[in-house]
């Protein structure tokens, strides 16, 4: 008769702690981050699954309100765009006009043709 592994088996506890197994898991995830970024993300999810760590403890929580989260995200995005255009880009010497598409500013038919594509 097989027994189901409890959430607090020794391997899961070792992965959650800062012992040799936990530090090895951290090193493997960080070294995978140097090789390929998505690989480290997948390894973190595998680590969370194998160590029986709840999603909430690694930062995945459901927002209280989707509308509130969306509103905050849009407001932050607009503020970030304005900050970049008004402060950062002039400091870096960027041209305020995008020369690649500046010809569309005065020609309405061309603008409509580009916006439909």
Protein backbone atom coordinates (compact mmCIF):
# COMPACT_ATOMS: atom_id res chain seq x y z
CA UNK A 1 0.00 0.00 0.00
CA UNK A 2 1.45 3.37 -1.02
CA UNK A 3 1.20 6.38 1.21
CA UNK A 4 0.65 9.90 -0.07
CA UNK A 5 3.54 12.23 0.68
CA UNK A 6 2.62 14.83 3.24
CA UNK A 7 3.18 18.51 2.43
CA UNK A 8 5.89 18.61 5.06
CA UNK A 9 8.06 15.76 3.81
CA UNK A 10 11.79 16.15 4.30
CA UNK A 11 12.62 17.15 0.73
CA UNK A 12 10.00 19.91 0.71
CA UNK A 13 11.19 21.15 4.09
CA UNK A 14 14.79 21.09 2.87
CA UNK A 15 13.91 23.09 -0.24
CA UNK A 16 12.08 25.72 1.82
CA UNK A 17 14.90 26.21 4.30
CA UNK A 18 18.36 27.73 4.09
CA UNK A 19 20.14 24.44 4.56
CA UNK A 20 22.34 22.79 1.94
CA UNK A 21 19.39 21.73 -0.23
CA UNK A 22 17.74 25.15 -0.10
CA UNK A 23 20.99 26.93 -0.94
CA UNK A 24 21.62 24.50 -3.79
CA UNK A 25 18.15 25.27 -5.18
CA UNK A 26 18.90 29.02 -4.98
CA UNK A 27 22.22 28.56 -6.79
CA UNK A 28 20.64 26.44 -9.52
CA UNK A 29 17.89 29.03 -10.09
CA UNK A 30 20.35 31.94 -10.14
CA UNK A 31 22.74 30.14 -12.49
CA UNK A 32 19.83 29.34 -14.81
CA UNK A 33 19.02 33.06 -14.80
CA UNK A 34 22.45 33.76 -16.29
CA UNK A 35 21.86 31.25 -19.10
CA UNK A 36 18.24 31.95 -20.09
CA UNK A 37 15.80 34.22 -18.25
CA UNK A 38 12.60 32.15 -18.76
CA UNK A 39 14.37 29.01 -17.54
CA UNK A 40 14.85 30.54 -14.09
CA UNK A 41 11.16 31.49 -13.97
CA UNK A 42 10.18 27.91 -14.77
CA UNK A 43 12.61 26.61 -12.15
CA UNK A 44 11.07 28.89 -9.52
CA UNK A 45 7.63 27.49 -10.31
CA UNK A 46 9.00 23.92 -10.15
CA UNK A 47 10.66 24.78 -6.82
CA UNK A 48 7.40 26.20 -5.46
CA UNK A 49 5.49 23.10 -6.56
CA UNK A 50 8.04 20.64 -5.16
CA UNK A 51 8.57 22.50 -1.88
CA UNK A 52 4.80 22.80 -1.37
CA UNK A 53 5.14 26.57 -1.06
CA UNK A 54 1.77 28.32 -1.44
CA UNK A 55 1.45 30.68 -4.41
CA UNK A 56 0.61 33.50 -2.00
CA UNK A 57 4.05 33.24 -0.37
CA UNK A 58 5.88 33.90 -3.64
CA UNK A 59 3.70 36.89 -4.52
CA UNK A 60 0.89 35.45 -6.61
CA UNK A 61 -2.26 36.84 -5.07
CA UNK A 62 -5.61 37.66 -6.58
CA UNK A 63 -6.27 41.41 -6.65
CA UNK A 64 -9.08 42.71 -4.47
CA UNK A 65 -10.71 44.43 -7.45
CA UNK A 66 -9.80 43.98 -11.09
CA UNK A 67 -11.10 47.45 -11.96
CA UNK A 68 -8.91 49.04 -9.28
CA UNK A 69 -5.84 47.15 -10.47
CA UNK A 70 -6.52 48.10 -14.07
CA UNK A 71 -7.05 51.76 -13.14
CA UNK A 72 -3.84 51.91 -11.13
CA UNK A 73 -1.93 50.19 -13.95
CA UNK A 74 -3.23 52.60 -16.61
CA UNK A 75 -2.53 55.66 -14.43
CA UNK A 76 0.98 54.41 -13.65
CA UNK A 77 1.62 53.72 -17.35
CA UNK A 78 0.50 57.21 -18.39
CA UNK A 79 2.58 58.86 -15.64
CA UNK A 80 5.60 56.75 -16.58
CA UNK A 81 5.27 57.65 -20.27
CA UNK A 82 5.02 61.37 -19.44
CA UNK A 83 8.01 61.17 -17.10
CA UNK A 84 10.10 59.44 -19.75
CA UNK A 85 9.11 61.90 -22.50
CA UNK A 86 9.41 65.06 -20.38
CA UNK A 87 12.42 64.30 -18.18
CA UNK A 88 14.49 61.27 -19.12
CA UNK A 89 14.57 61.48 -22.92
CA UNK A 90 15.70 65.16 -23.00
CA UNK A 91 18.42 64.33 -20.47
CA UNK A 92 19.66 61.58 -22.77
CA UNK A 93 19.57 63.89 -25.79
CA UNK A 94 16.73 62.19 -27.65
CA UNK A 95 14.98 64.06 -30.45
CA UNK A 96 11.46 65.10 -29.35
CA UNK A 97 10.06 64.24 -32.80
CA UNK A 98 10.11 60.69 -34.15
CA UNK A 99 11.65 61.33 -37.55
CA UNK A 100 10.76 57.90 -38.90
CA UNK A 101 7.02 58.74 -38.84
CA UNK A 102 7.05 62.55 -38.85
CA UNK A 103 5.84 62.68 -42.46
CA UNK A 104 2.49 61.27 -41.28
CA UNK A 105 1.75 64.37 -39.16
CA UNK A 106 0.77 66.52 -42.15
CA UNK A 107 -0.70 63.91 -44.50
CA UNK A 108 -4.06 62.60 -43.34
CA UNK A 109 -4.52 59.97 -46.11
CA UNK A 110 -1.12 58.42 -45.41
CA UNK A 111 -1.84 58.43 -41.68
CA UNK A 112 -5.13 56.61 -42.26
CA UNK A 113 -3.35 54.08 -44.46
CA UNK A 114 -0.72 53.39 -41.81
CA UNK A 115 -3.22 53.20 -38.96
CA UNK A 116 -5.39 50.62 -40.73
CA UNK A 117 -2.52 48.18 -41.36
